[in-house]
């Protein structure tokens, strides 16, 4: 027996597939209803507009869900820990057209999608910070930790380019390992005097 929840799920699944393949503007609601095997009226019962359908899709499927940061930590090895975080994020990304395609395509045409992406990035940054702090030898100031996490966030959430899409898995691994080494070397370096003057807890306003 098909339930309302089943129908709603099929609509979201169909919308994700079609928005990823053809884009939001080029996808008719009739095609979504057909792929979901529901009457068009039922689609509009759950989602009065196509924009509402997109907002719901992104809102529900952009959340990372619970990530066990402790399981990604390798004590005294922040480089390996960063790579563990990245492997987990890429695993989640591969399973989601919302993460892999839709948000990048629609973030500038739908401001609410851009806002949701910003929330997602903060969630990812929080995970990176927790893993880095737990894997470092000795204390690390908040300002440096946050800067390192933001740098890694920029690396792992950058929109794929045509050139990078041609990289082999080995090339990706080597590139990411080198970047992780660079970031962690910076964390291990002697604290600059200017950072010490800030108290290590906040970045001064520009």
C-alpha atoms as a PDB file:
ATOM      1  CA  UNK A   1       0.000   0.000   0.000  1.00  0.00           C
ATOM      2  CA  UNK A   2       1.385   3.377  -1.006  1.00  0.00           C
ATOM      3  CA  UNK A   3       1.341   5.975   1.760  1.00  0.00           C
ATOM      4  CA  UNK A   4       1.512   9.737   1.599  1.00  0.00           C
ATOM      5  CA  UNK A   5       5.039   9.576   2.950  1.00  0.00           C
ATOM      6  CA  UNK A   6       5.990   7.191   0.135  1.00  0.00           C
ATOM      7  CA  UNK A   7       4.574   9.542  -2.481  1.00  0.00           C
ATOM      8  CA  UNK A   8       6.316  12.550  -0.996  1.00  0.00           C
ATOM      9  CA  UNK A   9       9.615  10.665  -0.939  1.00  0.00           C
ATOM     10  CA  UNK A  10       9.213   9.623  -4.574  1.00  0.00           C
ATOM     11  CA  UNK A  11       8.513  13.222  -5.567  1.00  0.00           C
ATOM     12  CA  UNK A  12      11.681  14.418  -3.844  1.00  0.00           C
ATOM     13  CA  UNK A  13      13.694  11.584  -5.395  1.00  0.00           C
ATOM     14  CA  UNK A  14      12.358  12.403  -8.864  1.00  0.00           C
ATOM     15  CA  UNK A  15      12.995  16.115  -8.415  1.00  0.00           C
ATOM     16  CA  UNK A  16      16.567  15.473  -7.288  1.00  0.00           C
ATOM     17  CA  UNK A  17      17.238  13.288 -10.295  1.00  0.00           C
ATOM     18  CA  UNK A  18      15.693  15.665 -12.837  1.00  0.00           C
ATOM     19  CA  UNK A  19      17.049  18.904 -11.358  1.00  0.00           C
ATOM     20  CA  UNK A  20      20.528  17.378 -11.418  1.00  0.00           C
ATOM     21  CA  UNK A  21      20.171  16.143 -14.992  1.00  0.00           C
ATOM     22  CA  UNK A  22      18.428  19.123 -16.589  1.00  0.00           C
ATOM     23  CA  UNK A  23      18.448  22.043 -14.153  1.00  0.00           C
ATOM     24  CA  UNK A  24      15.611  23.625 -12.216  1.00  0.00           C
ATOM     25  CA  UNK A  25      14.266  25.875 -14.974  1.00  0.00           C
ATOM     26  CA  UNK A  26      14.278  23.161 -17.633  1.00  0.00           C
ATOM     27  CA  UNK A  27      12.418  20.628 -15.487  1.00  0.00           C
ATOM     28  CA  UNK A  28       8.641  20.693 -15.765  1.00  0.00           C
ATOM     29  CA  UNK A  29       6.572  19.640 -12.779  1.00  0.00           C
ATOM     30  CA  UNK A  30       4.707  17.248 -15.064  1.00  0.00           C
ATOM     31  CA  UNK A  31       7.966  15.366 -15.677  1.00  0.00           C
ATOM     32  CA  UNK A  32       8.600  15.154 -11.939  1.00  0.00           C
ATOM     33  CA  UNK A  33       5.102  13.797 -11.361  1.00  0.00           C
ATOM     34  CA  UNK A  34       5.520  11.250 -14.155  1.00  0.00           C
ATOM     35  CA  UNK A  35       8.873  10.011 -12.863  1.00  0.00           C
ATOM     36  CA  UNK A  36       7.512   9.858  -9.315  1.00  0.00           C
ATOM     37  CA  UNK A  37       4.402   8.005 -10.588  1.00  0.00           C
ATOM     38  CA  UNK A  38       2.010  10.370  -8.822  1.00  0.00           C
ATOM     39  CA  UNK A  39      -0.794  12.612 -10.091  1.00  0.00           C
ATOM     40  CA  UNK A  40       0.342  16.166 -10.728  1.00  0.00           C
ATOM     41  CA  UNK A  41      -2.268  17.376  -8.264  1.00  0.00           C
ATOM     42  CA  UNK A  42      -0.650  15.320  -5.510  1.00  0.00           C
ATOM     43  CA  UNK A  43       2.717  16.914  -6.261  1.00  0.00           C
ATOM     44  CA  UNK A  44       1.170  20.364  -5.767  1.00  0.00           C
ATOM     45  CA  UNK A  45      -0.563  19.150  -2.607  1.00  0.00           C
ATOM     46  CA  UNK A  46       2.839  18.541  -1.019  1.00  0.00           C
ATOM     47  CA  UNK A  47       4.725  21.303  -2.823  1.00  0.00           C
ATOM     48  CA  UNK A  48       2.508  24.212  -3.957  1.00  0.00           C
ATOM     49  CA  UNK A  49       5.255  25.589  -6.209  1.00  0.00           C
ATOM     50  CA  UNK A  50       8.306  24.203  -7.939  1.00  0.00           C
ATOM     51  CA  UNK A  51      10.447  26.625  -5.933  1.00  0.00           C
ATOM     52  CA  UNK A  52       9.014  25.184  -2.729  1.00  0.00           C
ATOM     53  CA  UNK A  53       9.931  21.724  -3.970  1.00  0.00           C
ATOM     54  CA  UNK A  54      13.527  22.856  -4.561  1.00  0.00           C
ATOM     55  CA  UNK A  55      13.731  24.519  -1.143  1.00  0.00           C
ATOM     56  CA  UNK A  56      12.444  21.398   0.578  1.00  0.00           C
ATOM     57  CA  UNK A  57      14.775  19.138  -1.384  1.00  0.00           C
ATOM     58  CA  UNK A  58      17.840  21.167  -0.485  1.00  0.00           C
ATOM     59  CA  UNK A  59      16.690  21.797   3.072  1.00  0.00           C
ATOM     60  CA  UNK A  60      16.218  18.111   3.811  1.00  0.00           C
ATOM     61  CA  UNK A  61      19.111  16.647   1.861  1.00  0.00           C
ATOM     62  CA  UNK A  62      21.931  19.116   2.395  1.00  0.00           C
ATOM     63  CA  UNK A  63      22.241  18.248   6.075  1.00  0.00           C
ATOM     64  CA  UNK A  64      25.298  16.103   6.749  1.00  0.00           C
ATOM     65  CA  UNK A  65      23.515  14.243   9.501  1.00  0.00           C
ATOM     66  CA  UNK A  66      25.448  12.921  12.475  1.00  0.00           C
ATOM     67  CA  UNK A  67      29.154  12.519  11.728  1.00  0.00           C
ATOM     68  CA  UNK A  68      31.262  10.808  14.384  1.00  0.00           C
ATOM     69  CA  UNK A  69      34.226  13.184  14.412  1.00  0.00           C
ATOM     70  CA  UNK A  70      36.052  11.013  16.961  1.00  0.00           C
ATOM     71  CA  UNK A  71      36.098   8.123  14.486  1.00  0.00           C
ATOM     72  CA  UNK A  72      37.970  10.327  11.990  1.00  0.00           C
ATOM     73  CA  UNK A  73      40.703  11.400  14.398  1.00  0.00           C
ATOM     74  CA  UNK A  74      44.169   9.885  14.270  1.00  0.00           C
ATOM     75  CA  UNK A  75      46.022  11.033  17.373  1.00  0.00           C
ATOM     76  CA  UNK A  76      49.145  13.091  16.701  1.00  0.00           C
ATOM     77  CA  UNK A  77      48.506  12.858  12.949  1.00  0.00           C
ATOM     78  CA  UNK A  78      46.467  15.873  11.805  1.00  0.00           C
ATOM     79  CA  UNK A  79      47.332  15.256   8.155  1.00  0.00           C
ATOM     80  CA  UNK A  80      45.799  11.800   8.194  1.00  0.00           C
ATOM     81  CA  UNK A  81      42.862  13.140  10.189  1.00  0.00           C
ATOM     82  CA  UNK A  82      42.147  15.821   7.566  1.00  0.00           C
ATOM     83  CA  UNK A  83      42.249  13.191   4.849  1.00  0.00           C
ATOM     84  CA  UNK A  84      39.851  11.011   6.866  1.00  0.00           C
ATOM     85  CA  UNK A  85      37.401  13.921   7.088  1.00  0.00           C
ATOM     86  CA  UNK A  86      37.705  14.487   3.359  1.00  0.00           C
ATOM     87  CA  UNK A  87      37.068  10.832   2.522  1.00  0.00           C
ATOM     88  CA  UNK A  88      33.906  10.930   4.626  1.00  0.00           C
ATOM     89  CA  UNK A  89      32.699  14.144   3.014  1.00  0.00           C
ATOM     90  CA  UNK A  90      33.369  12.835  -0.495  1.00  0.00           C
ATOM     91  CA  UNK A  91      31.493   9.633   0.356  1.00  0.00           C
ATOM     92  CA  UNK A  92      28.458  11.688   1.387  1.00  0.00           C
ATOM     93  CA  UNK A  93      28.806  13.902  -1.677  1.00  0.00           C
ATOM     94  CA  UNK A  94      28.918  10.987  -4.116  1.00  0.00           C
ATOM     95  CA  UNK A  95      25.593   9.731  -2.743  1.00  0.00           C
ATOM     96  CA  UNK A  96      23.820  13.065  -3.194  1.00  0.00           C
ATOM     97  CA  UNK A  97      22.984  14.941  -6.381  1.00  0.00           C
ATOM     98  CA  UNK A  98      21.987  17.845  -4.123  1.00  0.00           C
ATOM     99  CA  UNK A  99      25.533  18.134  -2.787  1.00  0.00           C
ATOM    100  CA  UNK A 100      27.309  17.222  -5.998  1.00  0.00           C
ATOM    101  CA  UNK A 101      25.348  19.241  -8.560  1.00  0.00           C
ATOM    102  CA  UNK A 102      22.155  21.042  -7.572  1.00  0.00           C
ATOM    103  CA  UNK A 103      23.373  23.530  -4.966  1.00  0.00           C
ATOM    104  CA  UNK A 104      26.188  24.738  -7.228  1.00  0.00           C
ATOM    105  CA  UNK A 105      23.828  25.289 -10.130  1.00  0.00           C
ATOM    106  CA  UNK A 106      21.011  26.980  -8.216  1.00  0.00           C
ATOM    107  CA  UNK A 107      22.756  28.939  -5.433  1.00  0.00           C
ATOM    108  CA  UNK A 108      22.923  32.184  -7.406  1.00  0.00           C
ATOM    109  CA  UNK A 109      19.400  32.039  -8.837  1.00  0.00           C
ATOM    110  CA  UNK A 110      17.750  31.082  -5.542  1.00  0.00           C
ATOM    111  CA  UNK A 111      19.113  33.104  -2.587  1.00  0.00           C
ATOM    112  CA  UNK A 112      17.657  30.681  -0.063  1.00  0.00           C
ATOM    113  CA  UNK A 113      19.755  27.912  -1.609  1.00  0.00           C
ATOM    114  CA  UNK A 114      22.865  30.036  -1.194  1.00  0.00           C
ATOM    115  CA  UNK A 115      21.930  30.601   2.461  1.00  0.00           C
ATOM    116  CA  UNK A 116      21.486  26.882   3.007  1.00  0.00           C
ATOM    117  CA  UNK A 117      24.874  26.249   1.388  1.00  0.00           C
ATOM    118  CA  UNK A 118      26.444  28.730   3.813  1.00  0.00           C
ATOM    119  CA  UNK A 119      24.913  26.806   6.740  1.00  0.00           C
ATOM    120  CA  UNK A 120      26.221  23.568   5.279  1.00  0.00           C
ATOM    121  CA  UNK A 121      29.736  24.981   5.018  1.00  0.00           C
ATOM    122  CA  UNK A 122      29.647  26.055   8.673  1.00  0.00           C
ATOM    123  CA  UNK A 123      28.603  22.531   9.623  1.00  0.00           C
ATOM    124  CA  UNK A 124      31.523  21.077   7.665  1.00  0.00           C
ATOM    125  CA  UNK A 125      33.925  23.614   9.194  1.00  0.00           C
ATOM    126  CA  UNK A 126      32.818  22.609  12.687  1.00  0.00           C
ATOM    127  CA  UNK A 127      33.616  18.971  11.950  1.00  0.00           C
ATOM    128  CA  UNK A 128      37.049  19.903  10.579  1.00  0.00           C
ATOM    129  CA  UNK A 129      37.838  22.026  13.647  1.00  0.00           C
ATOM    130  CA  UNK A 130      36.880  19.235  16.051  1.00  0.00           C
ATOM    131  CA  UNK A 131      38.987  16.680  14.203  1.00  0.00           C
ATOM    132  CA  UNK A 132      42.001  18.979  13.914  1.00  0.00           C
ATOM    133  CA  UNK A 133      41.961  19.977  17.565  1.00  0.00           C
ATOM    134  CA  UNK A 134      41.727  16.341  18.685  1.00  0.00           C
ATOM    135  CA  UNK A 135      44.588  15.218  16.448  1.00  0.00           C
ATOM    136  CA  UNK A 136      47.137  17.963  17.144  1.00  0.00           C
ATOM    137  CA  UNK A 137      50.103  17.569  19.510  1.00  0.00           C
ATOM    138  CA  UNK A 138      49.854  20.276  22.141  1.00  0.00           C
ATOM    139  CA  UNK A 139      47.514  23.258  22.394  1.00  0.00           C
ATOM    140  CA  UNK A 140      46.435  25.356  19.448  1.00  0.00           C
ATOM    141  CA  UNK A 141      44.846  28.779  19.527  1.00  0.00           C
ATOM    142  CA  UNK A 142      41.303  29.174  18.301  1.00  0.00           C
ATOM    143  CA  UNK A 143      42.257  31.711  15.660  1.00  0.00           C
ATOM    144  CA  UNK A 144      44.812  29.383  14.046  1.00  0.00           C
ATOM    145  CA  UNK A 145      42.526  26.381  14.295  1.00  0.00           C
ATOM    146  CA  UNK A 146      39.717  28.287  12.636  1.00  0.00           C
ATOM    147  CA  UNK A 147      41.979  29.580   9.865  1.00  0.00           C
ATOM    148  CA  UNK A 148      43.250  26.068   9.131  1.00  0.00           C
ATOM    149  CA  UNK A 149      39.716  24.665   9.112  1.00  0.00           C
ATOM    150  CA  UNK A 150      38.523  27.410   6.772  1.00  0.00           C
ATOM    151  CA  UNK A 151      41.435  26.734   4.426  1.00  0.00           C
ATOM    152  CA  UNK A 152      40.651  23.022   4.320  1.00  0.00           C
ATOM    153  CA  UNK A 153      36.952  23.760   3.901  1.00  0.00           C
ATOM    154  CA  UNK A 154      37.746  25.874   0.835  1.00  0.00           C
ATOM    155  CA  UNK A 155      39.797  23.030  -0.617  1.00  0.00           C
ATOM    156  CA  UNK A 156      37.303  20.209  -0.104  1.00  0.00           C
ATOM    157  CA  UNK A 157      34.129  22.132  -0.977  1.00  0.00           C
ATOM    158  CA  UNK A 158      35.438  23.945  -4.054  1.00  0.00           C
ATOM    159  CA  UNK A 159      33.271  23.468  -7.112  1.00  0.00           C
ATOM    160  CA  UNK A 160      34.940  20.893  -9.369  1.00  0.00           C
ATOM    161  CA  UNK A 161      36.583  22.304 -12.499  1.00  0.00           C
ATOM    162  CA  UNK A 162      36.922  20.561 -15.851  1.00  0.00           C
ATOM    163  CA  UNK A 163      40.651  20.066 -15.277  1.00  0.00           C
ATOM    164  CA  UNK A 164      40.223  18.600 -11.818  1.00  0.00           C
ATOM    165  CA  UNK A 165      37.501  16.254 -12.993  1.00  0.00           C
ATOM    166  CA  UNK A 166      40.120  14.589 -15.205  1.00  0.00           C
ATOM    167  CA  UNK A 167      42.408  13.783 -12.274  1.00  0.00           C
ATOM    168  CA  UNK A 168      42.920  10.149 -11.414  1.00  0.00           C
ATOM    169  CA  UNK A 169      42.132   8.964  -7.862  1.00  0.00           C
ATOM    170  CA  UNK A 170      45.871   8.719  -7.236  1.00  0.00           C
ATOM    171  CA  UNK A 171      46.447  12.300  -8.394  1.00  0.00           C
ATOM    172  CA  UNK A 172      43.637  13.519  -6.138  1.00  0.00           C
ATOM    173  CA  UNK A 173      45.109  11.657  -3.166  1.00  0.00           C
ATOM    174  CA  UNK A 174      48.602  13.056  -3.762  1.00  0.00           C
ATOM    175  CA  UNK A 175      47.320  16.611  -4.202  1.00  0.00           C
ATOM    176  CA  UNK A 176      45.172  16.511  -1.079  1.00  0.00           C
ATOM    177  CA  UNK A 177      47.948  14.954   1.000  1.00  0.00           C
ATOM    178  CA  UNK A 178      50.353  17.707  -0.054  1.00  0.00           C
ATOM    179  CA  UNK A 179      47.832  20.411   0.807  1.00  0.00           C
ATOM    180  CA  UNK A 180      47.079  18.799   4.172  1.00  0.00           C
ATOM    181  CA  UNK A 181      50.803  18.713   4.943  1.00  0.00           C
ATOM    182  CA  UNK A 182      51.087  22.396   4.064  1.00  0.00           C
ATOM    183  CA  UNK A 183      48.198  23.390   6.326  1.00  0.00           C
ATOM    184  CA  UNK A 184      49.360  21.262   9.246  1.00  0.00           C
ATOM    185  CA  UNK A 185      52.941  22.516   8.920  1.00  0.00           C
ATOM    186  CA  UNK A 186      51.496  25.994   9.372  1.00  0.00           C
ATOM    187  CA  UNK A 187      49.677  24.896  12.511  1.00  0.00           C
ATOM    188  CA  UNK A 188      52.850  23.398  13.951  1.00  0.00           C
ATOM    189  CA  UNK A 189      54.895  26.518  13.222  1.00  0.00           C
ATOM    190  CA  UNK A 190      55.756  28.992  15.945  1.00  0.00           C
ATOM    191  CA  UNK A 191      52.889  31.284  16.871  1.00  0.00           C
ATOM    192  CA  UNK A 192      53.335  34.725  15.244  1.00  0.00           C
ATOM    193  CA  UNK A 193      53.531  37.630  17.677  1.00  0.00           C
ATOM    194  CA  UNK A 194      50.484  39.331  16.157  1.00  0.00           C
ATOM    195  CA  UNK A 195      48.294  36.318  16.883  1.00  0.00           C
ATOM    196  CA  UNK A 196      49.532  36.148  20.470  1.00  0.00           C
ATOM    197  CA  UNK A 197      48.550  39.781  20.894  1.00  0.00           C
ATOM    198  CA  UNK A 198      44.992  38.957  19.828  1.00  0.00           C
ATOM    199  CA  UNK A 199      44.709  36.463  22.655  1.00  0.00           C
ATOM    200  CA  UNK A 200      44.315  33.572  20.225  1.00  0.00           C
ATOM    201  CA  UNK A 201      40.548  33.632  20.428  1.00  0.00           C
ATOM    202  CA  UNK A 202      39.312  36.083  17.829  1.00  0.00           C
ATOM    203  CA  UNK A 203      40.339  37.598  14.525  1.00  0.00           C
ATOM    204  CA  UNK A 204      40.434  41.419  14.574  1.00  0.00           C
ATOM    205  CA  UNK A 205      38.084  43.255  12.265  1.00  0.00           C
ATOM    206  CA  UNK A 206      39.725  44.275   8.991  1.00  0.00           C
END
